[in-house]
N, C-alpha and C. Protein backbone atom coordinates (compact mmCIF):
# COMPACT_ATOMS: atom_id res chain seq x y z
N UNK A 1 15.19 -59.31 35.42
CA UNK A 1 13.99 -59.14 34.63
C UNK A 1 13.91 -57.67 34.19
N UNK A 2 13.72 -57.46 32.92
CA UNK A 2 13.61 -56.11 32.37
C UNK A 2 12.21 -55.56 32.59
N UNK A 3 12.17 -54.29 32.93
CA UNK A 3 10.88 -53.63 33.09
C UNK A 3 10.60 -52.78 31.87
N UNK A 4 9.37 -52.76 31.49
CA UNK A 4 8.98 -51.93 30.35
C UNK A 4 8.33 -50.67 30.89
N UNK A 5 8.84 -49.55 30.48
CA UNK A 5 8.29 -48.27 30.92
C UNK A 5 7.64 -47.61 29.70
N UNK A 6 6.39 -47.27 29.85
CA UNK A 6 5.68 -46.61 28.77
C UNK A 6 5.40 -45.17 29.18
N UNK A 7 5.46 -44.28 28.22
CA UNK A 7 5.20 -42.88 28.49
C UNK A 7 4.17 -42.34 27.51
N UNK A 8 3.40 -41.41 27.96
CA UNK A 8 2.45 -40.73 27.11
C UNK A 8 3.22 -39.69 26.30
N UNK A 9 3.14 -39.76 24.99
CA UNK A 9 3.85 -38.82 24.12
C UNK A 9 2.85 -37.83 23.56
N UNK A 10 3.11 -36.56 23.82
CA UNK A 10 2.19 -35.52 23.37
C UNK A 10 2.76 -34.67 22.24
N UNK A 11 3.99 -34.95 21.84
CA UNK A 11 4.63 -34.14 20.81
C UNK A 11 5.53 -35.01 19.95
N UNK A 12 5.80 -34.52 18.76
CA UNK A 12 6.69 -35.24 17.86
C UNK A 12 8.10 -35.27 18.42
N UNK A 13 8.81 -36.35 18.17
CA UNK A 13 10.19 -36.48 18.67
C UNK A 13 11.09 -35.46 17.98
N UNK A 14 12.11 -34.99 18.70
CA UNK A 14 13.05 -34.03 18.12
C UNK A 14 14.10 -34.70 17.24
N UNK A 15 14.34 -35.99 17.44
CA UNK A 15 15.36 -36.68 16.66
C UNK A 15 15.03 -36.66 15.18
N UNK A 16 15.92 -36.15 14.39
CA UNK A 16 15.72 -36.10 12.95
C UNK A 16 14.65 -35.09 12.54
N UNK A 17 14.27 -34.22 13.44
CA UNK A 17 13.18 -33.28 13.19
C UNK A 17 13.42 -32.39 11.98
N UNK A 18 14.64 -31.87 11.87
CA UNK A 18 14.93 -30.92 10.81
C UNK A 18 14.42 -31.31 9.45
N UNK A 19 14.69 -32.50 9.02
CA UNK A 19 14.28 -32.91 7.67
C UNK A 19 12.96 -33.67 7.67
N UNK A 20 12.82 -34.64 8.53
CA UNK A 20 11.66 -35.52 8.50
C UNK A 20 10.35 -34.78 8.73
N UNK A 21 10.27 -34.04 9.81
CA UNK A 21 9.02 -33.34 10.13
C UNK A 21 8.77 -32.19 9.17
N UNK A 22 9.80 -31.51 8.76
CA UNK A 22 9.64 -30.41 7.81
C UNK A 22 9.01 -30.92 6.53
N UNK A 23 9.43 -32.09 6.07
CA UNK A 23 8.88 -32.66 4.85
C UNK A 23 7.38 -32.95 5.02
N UNK A 24 6.99 -33.44 6.19
CA UNK A 24 5.58 -33.75 6.45
C UNK A 24 4.67 -32.54 6.33
N UNK A 25 5.16 -31.37 6.68
CA UNK A 25 4.33 -30.17 6.64
C UNK A 25 4.67 -29.25 5.47
N UNK A 26 5.55 -29.71 4.57
CA UNK A 26 5.86 -28.95 3.36
C UNK A 26 6.69 -27.71 3.59
N UNK A 27 7.71 -27.81 4.43
CA UNK A 27 8.60 -26.66 4.67
C UNK A 27 10.04 -27.13 4.66
N UNK A 28 10.97 -26.19 4.49
CA UNK A 28 12.38 -26.52 4.60
C UNK A 28 12.73 -26.68 6.08
N UNK A 29 13.77 -27.45 6.40
CA UNK A 29 14.12 -27.72 7.80
C UNK A 29 14.34 -26.48 8.66
N UNK A 30 15.12 -25.52 8.18
CA UNK A 30 15.41 -24.33 9.00
C UNK A 30 14.14 -23.50 9.18
N UNK A 31 13.39 -23.31 8.11
CA UNK A 31 12.13 -22.56 8.19
C UNK A 31 11.16 -23.23 9.15
N UNK A 32 11.05 -24.54 9.05
CA UNK A 32 10.12 -25.27 9.92
C UNK A 32 10.51 -25.17 11.39
N UNK A 33 11.78 -25.37 11.70
CA UNK A 33 12.23 -25.32 13.09
C UNK A 33 12.03 -23.90 13.63
N UNK A 34 12.41 -22.88 12.86
CA UNK A 34 12.25 -21.49 13.29
C UNK A 34 10.78 -21.20 13.57
N UNK A 35 9.91 -21.53 12.64
CA UNK A 35 8.48 -21.26 12.80
C UNK A 35 7.90 -22.05 13.96
N UNK A 36 8.39 -23.27 14.17
CA UNK A 36 7.89 -24.10 15.26
C UNK A 36 8.22 -23.51 16.63
N UNK A 37 9.31 -22.76 16.70
CA UNK A 37 9.69 -22.14 17.97
C UNK A 37 8.91 -20.82 18.17
N UNK A 38 8.81 -20.02 17.11
CA UNK A 38 8.19 -18.71 17.24
C UNK A 38 6.66 -18.75 17.11
N UNK A 39 6.15 -19.63 16.26
CA UNK A 39 4.71 -19.73 16.02
C UNK A 39 4.35 -21.20 15.88
N UNK A 40 4.39 -21.96 16.96
CA UNK A 40 4.25 -23.42 16.88
C UNK A 40 2.92 -23.94 16.35
N UNK A 41 1.89 -23.14 16.38
CA UNK A 41 0.60 -23.63 15.87
C UNK A 41 0.44 -23.41 14.37
N UNK A 42 1.43 -22.80 13.72
CA UNK A 42 1.35 -22.52 12.28
C UNK A 42 1.31 -23.80 11.46
N UNK A 43 2.17 -24.76 11.81
CA UNK A 43 2.21 -26.04 11.09
C UNK A 43 2.35 -27.13 12.15
N UNK A 44 1.30 -27.90 12.33
CA UNK A 44 1.30 -28.95 13.33
C UNK A 44 1.35 -30.30 12.63
N UNK A 45 2.26 -31.16 13.09
CA UNK A 45 2.41 -32.50 12.50
C UNK A 45 1.14 -33.29 12.77
N UNK A 46 0.64 -33.94 11.74
CA UNK A 46 -0.58 -34.74 11.86
C UNK A 46 -0.46 -35.75 13.01
N UNK A 47 -1.51 -35.83 13.81
CA UNK A 47 -1.53 -36.78 14.90
C UNK A 47 -1.09 -36.22 16.24
N UNK A 48 -0.65 -34.96 16.25
CA UNK A 48 -0.21 -34.34 17.50
C UNK A 48 -1.02 -33.08 17.77
N UNK A 49 -1.39 -32.84 19.03
CA UNK A 49 -2.15 -31.63 19.36
C UNK A 49 -1.23 -30.41 19.39
N UNK A 50 -1.77 -29.23 19.09
CA UNK A 50 -0.98 -28.00 19.09
C UNK A 50 -0.80 -27.47 20.53
N UNK A 51 0.09 -28.09 21.30
CA UNK A 51 0.22 -27.74 22.71
C UNK A 51 1.46 -26.92 23.05
N UNK A 52 2.39 -26.74 22.12
CA UNK A 52 3.62 -26.01 22.43
C UNK A 52 3.35 -24.52 22.53
N UNK A 53 3.84 -23.87 23.59
CA UNK A 53 3.67 -22.42 23.71
C UNK A 53 4.60 -21.68 22.75
N UNK A 54 4.24 -20.47 22.41
CA UNK A 54 5.10 -19.67 21.54
C UNK A 54 6.27 -19.08 22.33
N UNK A 55 7.39 -18.91 21.65
CA UNK A 55 8.54 -18.27 22.25
C UNK A 55 8.85 -16.95 21.56
N UNK A 56 7.88 -16.47 20.78
CA UNK A 56 8.04 -15.20 20.09
C UNK A 56 8.24 -14.09 21.12
N UNK A 57 9.23 -13.24 20.89
CA UNK A 57 9.58 -12.13 21.78
C UNK A 57 10.13 -12.58 23.13
N UNK A 58 10.36 -13.89 23.30
CA UNK A 58 10.93 -14.39 24.55
C UNK A 58 12.35 -14.87 24.38
N UNK A 59 12.79 -15.00 23.14
CA UNK A 59 14.14 -15.50 22.85
C UNK A 59 14.78 -14.54 21.83
N UNK A 60 16.06 -14.24 22.05
CA UNK A 60 16.76 -13.34 21.13
C UNK A 60 17.02 -14.06 19.82
N UNK A 61 17.33 -13.29 18.78
CA UNK A 61 17.66 -13.88 17.48
C UNK A 61 18.86 -14.80 17.60
N UNK A 62 19.85 -14.38 18.39
CA UNK A 62 21.06 -15.21 18.58
C UNK A 62 20.68 -16.56 19.21
N UNK A 63 19.86 -16.55 20.24
CA UNK A 63 19.44 -17.80 20.88
C UNK A 63 18.56 -18.63 19.96
N UNK A 64 17.75 -17.98 19.17
CA UNK A 64 16.90 -18.69 18.22
C UNK A 64 17.76 -19.45 17.21
N UNK A 65 18.81 -18.80 16.71
CA UNK A 65 19.71 -19.47 15.77
C UNK A 65 20.44 -20.63 16.44
N UNK A 66 20.81 -20.47 17.72
CA UNK A 66 21.44 -21.56 18.45
C UNK A 66 20.48 -22.75 18.62
N UNK A 67 19.23 -22.46 18.93
CA UNK A 67 18.23 -23.52 19.07
C UNK A 67 18.02 -24.27 17.76
N UNK A 68 17.97 -23.51 16.66
CA UNK A 68 17.80 -24.13 15.34
C UNK A 68 18.98 -25.05 15.04
N UNK A 69 20.20 -24.59 15.30
CA UNK A 69 21.38 -25.43 15.06
C UNK A 69 21.36 -26.67 15.93
N UNK A 70 20.94 -26.53 17.17
CA UNK A 70 20.87 -27.69 18.07
C UNK A 70 19.87 -28.72 17.54
N UNK A 71 18.67 -28.27 17.19
CA UNK A 71 17.66 -29.21 16.70
C UNK A 71 18.13 -29.87 15.41
N UNK A 72 18.77 -29.12 14.52
CA UNK A 72 19.29 -29.70 13.28
C UNK A 72 20.36 -30.74 13.55
N UNK A 73 21.10 -30.58 14.65
CA UNK A 73 22.20 -31.50 14.95
C UNK A 73 21.73 -32.84 15.48
N UNK A 74 20.49 -32.91 15.95
CA UNK A 74 19.96 -34.17 16.49
C UNK A 74 19.76 -35.16 15.36
N UNK A 75 20.23 -36.35 15.55
CA UNK A 75 20.12 -37.38 14.53
C UNK A 75 18.99 -38.34 14.90
N UNK A 76 18.31 -38.83 13.88
CA UNK A 76 17.25 -39.81 14.09
C UNK A 76 17.82 -41.15 14.49
N UNK A 77 16.94 -42.10 14.74
CA UNK A 77 17.41 -43.43 15.11
C UNK A 77 18.30 -44.01 14.02
N UNK A 78 19.27 -44.75 14.43
CA UNK A 78 20.21 -45.37 13.49
C UNK A 78 19.47 -46.34 12.57
N UNK A 79 19.68 -46.19 11.31
CA UNK A 79 19.01 -47.05 10.34
C UNK A 79 19.83 -48.31 10.08
N UNK A 80 19.20 -49.45 10.13
CA UNK A 80 19.87 -50.71 9.85
C UNK A 80 19.58 -51.07 8.40
N UNK A 81 20.63 -51.27 7.59
CA UNK A 81 20.39 -51.61 6.18
C UNK A 81 19.61 -52.91 6.03
N UNK A 82 18.71 -52.91 5.07
CA UNK A 82 17.96 -54.14 4.79
C UNK A 82 18.64 -54.87 3.65
N UNK A 83 18.55 -56.18 3.67
CA UNK A 83 19.21 -56.98 2.61
C UNK A 83 18.21 -57.54 1.64
């Protein structure tokens, strides 16, 4: 018997974040991800509370670029073609 596990979600999913979420708030993917890390309350996706802490002055530029590349590399759910 399969069990269903439900979780309380307080933030937008990271999968496909670069393009999908950036479009929702009117920013380019790299700009949106960078700003979301350094100043997360600047643009908040509708339906989610502004709960992420800032990482400004806590992460080096090199690490920030690595984080941006990582988030951009995440792919959204696989799309099944409709007929």
